[in-house]
């Protein structure tokens, strides 16, 4: 896997227009996101930051199509995902989006190589196992192919999750607090892997994080506060 990775045409990968999200809580409505609008060009690396409860993970989940907003629209690479059915969204996500979770979300009954190969097998890729071997080697886990998640450290599990996220060469990579459950040294290693693999693949990457070191590696920072987009800026270097 080298720098001759998949290339995507220039333009916007993400377009979020007047996005709002409310949830019913008993006899009142809780506002999670309020009238958020922004666009992210293809290949840009963006960090979403803000205090706990500001709506960061909700926003990322909406971009991933894991939920639907109360109001507003989201286009990914020209497709309005907010109008897709749940079945259509599952198919779209499988083809176009890689996702890294804070809590890894590996399947406990599958080995490392099986976890990485799974999205490829679902897409009918005949080279799923070979591709999984390549990706595990790229994250330094070539000797952990047949280990189950319970046999891996937190850092190793997250490296498997990163390899899985890139398995289908998605044009969009989303990561929700990818270093949140890791110590600082292991977290820095995972950050380096994310950015190196992202550079190899030429993906757009959006990261939700409390980690200032990680946010400062991005090309752009979106700051949320009380469900509103408070700032859209370049990180300090």
Protein backbone atom coordinates (compact mmCIF):
# COMPACT_ATOMS: atom_id res chain seq x y z
CA UNK A 1 0.00 0.00 0.00
CA UNK A 2 1.75 3.12 -1.14
CA UNK A 3 1.14 6.71 -2.08
CA UNK A 4 -0.51 5.63 -5.33
CA UNK A 5 -3.76 5.10 -3.39
CA UNK A 6 -7.27 5.77 -4.56
CA UNK A 7 -7.77 9.34 -5.76
CA UNK A 8 -11.03 11.26 -5.62
CA UNK A 9 -12.01 14.28 -7.74
CA UNK A 10 -11.85 17.73 -6.26
CA UNK A 11 -15.01 19.23 -4.77
CA UNK A 12 -17.02 18.86 -1.58
CA UNK A 13 -17.16 15.52 0.19
CA UNK A 14 -19.54 16.75 2.92
CA UNK A 15 -22.24 19.40 2.72
CA UNK A 16 -24.26 20.00 5.90
CA UNK A 17 -27.15 22.46 5.52
CA UNK A 18 -29.18 23.91 8.40
CA UNK A 19 -28.85 20.74 10.44
CA UNK A 20 -30.81 20.47 13.69
CA UNK A 21 -31.45 17.56 16.02
CA UNK A 22 -33.99 17.43 18.83
CA UNK A 23 -34.90 14.56 21.12
CA UNK A 24 -38.06 14.09 23.14
CA UNK A 25 -37.37 13.73 26.87
CA UNK A 26 -40.60 13.15 28.77
CA UNK A 27 -42.83 16.17 28.33
CA UNK A 28 -40.19 18.45 26.84
CA UNK A 29 -37.82 18.63 23.85
CA UNK A 30 -34.04 18.66 24.20
CA UNK A 31 -32.11 20.45 21.47
CA UNK A 32 -28.86 18.64 20.60
CA UNK A 33 -27.82 20.49 17.41
CA UNK A 34 -29.04 23.87 16.20
CA UNK A 35 -28.97 25.10 12.59
CA UNK A 36 -25.48 23.89 11.66
CA UNK A 37 -24.14 24.56 8.16
CA UNK A 38 -20.66 23.82 6.75
CA UNK A 39 -18.92 22.16 3.81
CA UNK A 40 -15.81 19.99 3.78
CA UNK A 41 -13.80 19.58 0.55
CA UNK A 42 -12.55 16.22 -0.59
CA UNK A 43 -9.30 15.08 1.09
CA UNK A 44 -9.50 17.65 3.89
CA UNK A 45 -8.78 16.53 7.47
CA UNK A 46 -11.17 18.17 9.94
CA UNK A 47 -11.38 17.94 13.74
CA UNK A 48 -14.66 18.57 15.54
CA UNK A 49 -14.05 19.82 19.08
CA UNK A 50 -16.08 21.13 21.98
CA UNK A 51 -16.99 20.35 25.60
CA UNK A 52 -18.89 17.22 26.57
CA UNK A 53 -22.53 17.53 25.61
CA UNK A 54 -21.88 19.99 22.79
CA UNK A 55 -23.23 17.61 20.13
CA UNK A 56 -19.97 16.41 18.55
CA UNK A 57 -20.72 12.69 18.46
CA UNK A 58 -24.33 13.32 17.44
CA UNK A 59 -23.10 15.37 14.48
CA UNK A 60 -20.64 12.66 13.44
CA UNK A 61 -23.34 10.01 13.72
CA UNK A 62 -25.63 12.04 11.48
CA UNK A 63 -22.86 12.41 8.88
CA UNK A 64 -22.44 8.63 9.02
CA UNK A 65 -26.16 8.14 8.50
CA UNK A 66 -26.51 6.32 11.82
CA UNK A 67 -29.47 8.58 12.63
CA UNK A 68 -31.60 11.16 10.82
CA UNK A 69 -31.73 14.85 11.75
CA UNK A 70 -34.90 16.61 12.85
CA UNK A 71 -34.24 19.28 10.22
CA UNK A 72 -31.69 19.93 7.50
CA UNK A 73 -29.86 17.96 4.84
CA UNK A 74 -26.54 16.17 4.48
CA UNK A 75 -24.89 15.46 1.13
CA UNK A 76 -21.92 13.11 0.93
CA UNK A 77 -20.03 13.27 -2.35
CA UNK A 78 -23.18 14.53 -4.07
CA UNK A 79 -25.60 12.00 -2.52
CA UNK A 80 -28.26 13.33 -0.16
CA UNK A 81 -28.04 10.70 2.56
CA UNK A 82 -30.83 12.26 4.62
CA UNK A 83 -33.31 11.09 1.96
CA UNK A 84 -32.06 7.48 1.83
CA UNK A 85 -33.97 4.61 3.40
CA UNK A 86 -32.30 2.65 6.18
CA UNK A 87 -31.49 -0.19 3.77
CA UNK A 88 -30.06 2.23 1.19
CA UNK A 89 -27.99 3.92 3.90
CA UNK A 90 -26.52 0.61 5.09
CA UNK A 91 -25.42 -0.15 1.53
CA UNK A 92 -24.07 3.40 1.01
CA UNK A 93 -22.14 3.33 4.30
CA UNK A 94 -20.61 -0.04 3.50
CA UNK A 95 -19.30 1.28 0.18
CA UNK A 96 -18.27 4.82 1.08
CA UNK A 97 -17.65 5.33 4.82
CA UNK A 98 -15.06 3.98 7.26
CA UNK A 99 -15.77 4.50 10.97
CA UNK A 100 -13.48 4.27 14.02
CA UNK A 101 -15.19 4.22 17.42
CA UNK A 102 -13.79 5.13 20.82
CA UNK A 103 -14.72 1.69 22.19
CA UNK A 104 -13.30 -0.18 19.16
CA UNK A 105 -16.56 -2.09 18.33
CA UNK A 106 -14.74 -5.21 17.20
CA UNK A 107 -16.81 -8.39 16.94
CA UNK A 108 -15.62 -10.49 19.91
CA UNK A 109 -16.20 -13.88 18.25
CA UNK A 110 -14.04 -12.97 15.23
CA UNK A 111 -10.24 -12.91 15.09
CA UNK A 112 -8.33 -9.78 14.11
CA UNK A 113 -8.05 -10.87 10.48
CA UNK A 114 -11.74 -11.82 10.37
CA UNK A 115 -12.76 -8.45 11.81
CA UNK A 116 -10.78 -6.60 9.13
CA UNK A 117 -11.93 -8.88 6.31
CA UNK A 118 -15.63 -8.70 7.23
CA UNK A 119 -16.54 -5.43 5.43
CA UNK A 120 -14.70 -6.68 2.35
CA UNK A 121 -16.55 -10.00 2.44
CA UNK A 122 -19.87 -8.15 2.76
CA UNK A 123 -18.91 -6.24 -0.39
CA UNK A 124 -18.10 -9.50 -2.17
CA UNK A 125 -14.37 -8.82 -2.46
CA UNK A 126 -12.63 -12.10 -3.45
CA UNK A 127 -9.35 -10.79 -2.00
CA UNK A 128 -10.81 -10.01 1.42
CA UNK A 129 -8.34 -12.16 3.37
CA UNK A 130 -5.30 -10.96 1.41
CA UNK A 131 -6.37 -7.35 1.87
CA UNK A 132 -6.88 -7.91 5.61
CA UNK A 133 -3.37 -9.38 5.88
CA UNK A 134 -1.94 -6.31 4.14
CA UNK A 135 -3.82 -3.91 6.41
CA UNK A 136 -2.88 -5.68 9.62
CA UNK A 137 0.76 -5.52 8.52
CA UNK A 138 0.35 -1.80 7.82
CA UNK A 139 -0.70 -1.21 11.44
CA UNK A 140 2.05 -3.44 12.86
CA UNK A 141 -0.13 -6.44 13.76
CA UNK A 142 1.15 -9.05 11.34
CA UNK A 143 1.69 -11.43 14.29
CA UNK A 144 -1.85 -10.97 15.70
CA UNK A 145 -3.94 -12.35 12.81
CA UNK A 146 -5.59 -15.12 14.81
CA UNK A 147 -5.99 -13.32 18.12
CA UNK A 148 -9.49 -12.50 19.36
CA UNK A 149 -10.22 -8.98 20.69
CA UNK A 150 -10.09 -10.18 24.31
CA UNK A 151 -6.51 -11.34 23.66
CA UNK A 152 -5.44 -7.89 22.41
CA UNK A 153 -4.53 -4.74 24.34
CA UNK A 154 -6.65 -1.62 23.93
CA UNK A 155 -4.11 -0.12 21.56
CA UNK A 156 -3.98 -3.29 19.49
CA UNK A 157 -7.77 -3.43 19.30
CA UNK A 158 -7.90 0.15 18.08
CA UNK A 159 -5.26 -0.60 15.45
CA UNK A 160 -7.43 -3.48 14.21
CA UNK A 161 -10.37 -1.06 14.14
CA UNK A 162 -8.34 1.44 12.10
CA UNK A 163 -7.33 -1.28 9.64
CA UNK A 164 -10.98 -2.34 9.33
CA UNK A 165 -12.10 1.26 8.71
CA UNK A 166 -9.76 1.53 5.72
CA UNK A 167 -10.50 -1.96 4.39
CA UNK A 168 -12.86 -0.89 1.61
CA UNK A 169 -10.75 2.17 0.70
CA UNK A 170 -13.60 4.53 1.67
CA UNK A 171 -13.56 8.09 0.36
CA UNK A 172 -14.74 9.24 3.82
CA UNK A 173 -13.23 8.23 7.17
CA UNK A 174 -15.00 9.21 10.41
CA UNK A 175 -13.43 8.74 13.85
CA UNK A 176 -15.22 9.35 17.16
CA UNK A 177 -12.72 9.93 19.99
CA UNK A 178 -10.29 7.38 18.49
CA UNK A 179 -7.78 7.92 21.32
CA UNK A 180 -10.32 8.32 24.14
CA UNK A 181 -9.72 4.88 25.71
CA UNK A 182 -5.95 4.84 25.20
CA UNK A 183 -2.97 6.10 27.18
CA UNK A 184 -1.11 9.05 25.67
CA UNK A 185 1.73 7.05 24.09
CA UNK A 186 -0.61 4.48 22.52
CA UNK A 187 -2.99 7.23 21.45
CA UNK A 188 -0.18 9.05 19.65
CA UNK A 189 0.69 5.83 17.80
CA UNK A 190 -2.93 5.41 16.69
CA UNK A 191 -3.02 9.05 15.52
CA UNK A 192 0.11 8.49 13.43
CA UNK A 193 -1.45 5.38 11.87
CA UNK A 194 -4.70 7.18 11.09
CA UNK A 195 -2.93 10.04 9.35
CA UNK A 196 -0.49 7.80 7.48
CA UNK A 197 -3.20 5.48 6.17
CA UNK A 198 -5.39 8.45 5.33
CA UNK A 199 -2.58 10.00 3.30
CA UNK A 200 -2.05 6.69 1.48
CA UNK A 201 -5.75 6.42 0.61
CA UNK A 202 -6.48 10.08 -0.13
CA UNK A 203 -9.65 10.05 1.97
CA UNK A 204 -11.52 12.91 3.58
CA UNK A 205 -11.22 12.48 7.36
CA UNK A 206 -13.40 13.93 10.13
CA UNK A 207 -12.40 13.36 13.76
CA UNK A 208 -14.33 14.09 16.94
CA UNK A 209 -11.86 14.57 19.76
CA UNK A 210 -11.09 16.08 23.16
CA UNK A 211 -7.40 15.52 22.41
CA UNK A 212 -5.75 18.87 21.62
CA UNK A 213 -2.72 17.11 20.11
CA UNK A 214 -4.97 15.25 17.68
CA UNK A 215 -7.03 18.35 16.86
CA UNK A 216 -3.86 20.29 16.09
CA UNK A 217 -2.86 17.71 13.46
CA UNK A 218 -5.98 18.52 11.43
CA UNK A 219 -6.14 21.04 8.62
CA UNK A 220 -9.29 22.65 10.02
CA UNK A 221 -11.16 22.74 13.34
CA UNK A 222 -14.93 23.02 13.81
CA UNK A 223 -15.81 24.07 17.37
CA UNK A 224 -19.23 23.23 18.79
CA UNK A 225 -20.81 24.74 21.89
CA UNK A 226 -24.32 24.00 23.13
CA UNK A 227 -25.19 22.40 19.82
CA UNK A 228 -24.12 25.35 17.69
CA UNK A 229 -21.15 25.82 15.39
CA UNK A 230 -19.20 28.41 17.37
CA UNK A 231 -16.02 28.61 15.26
CA UNK A 232 -14.54 27.32 12.01
CA UNK A 233 -10.81 27.86 12.06
CA UNK A 234 -7.31 26.62 11.31
CA UNK A 235 -5.55 24.86 14.21
CA UNK A 236 -2.59 26.59 15.88
CA UNK A 237 0.74 25.25 14.60
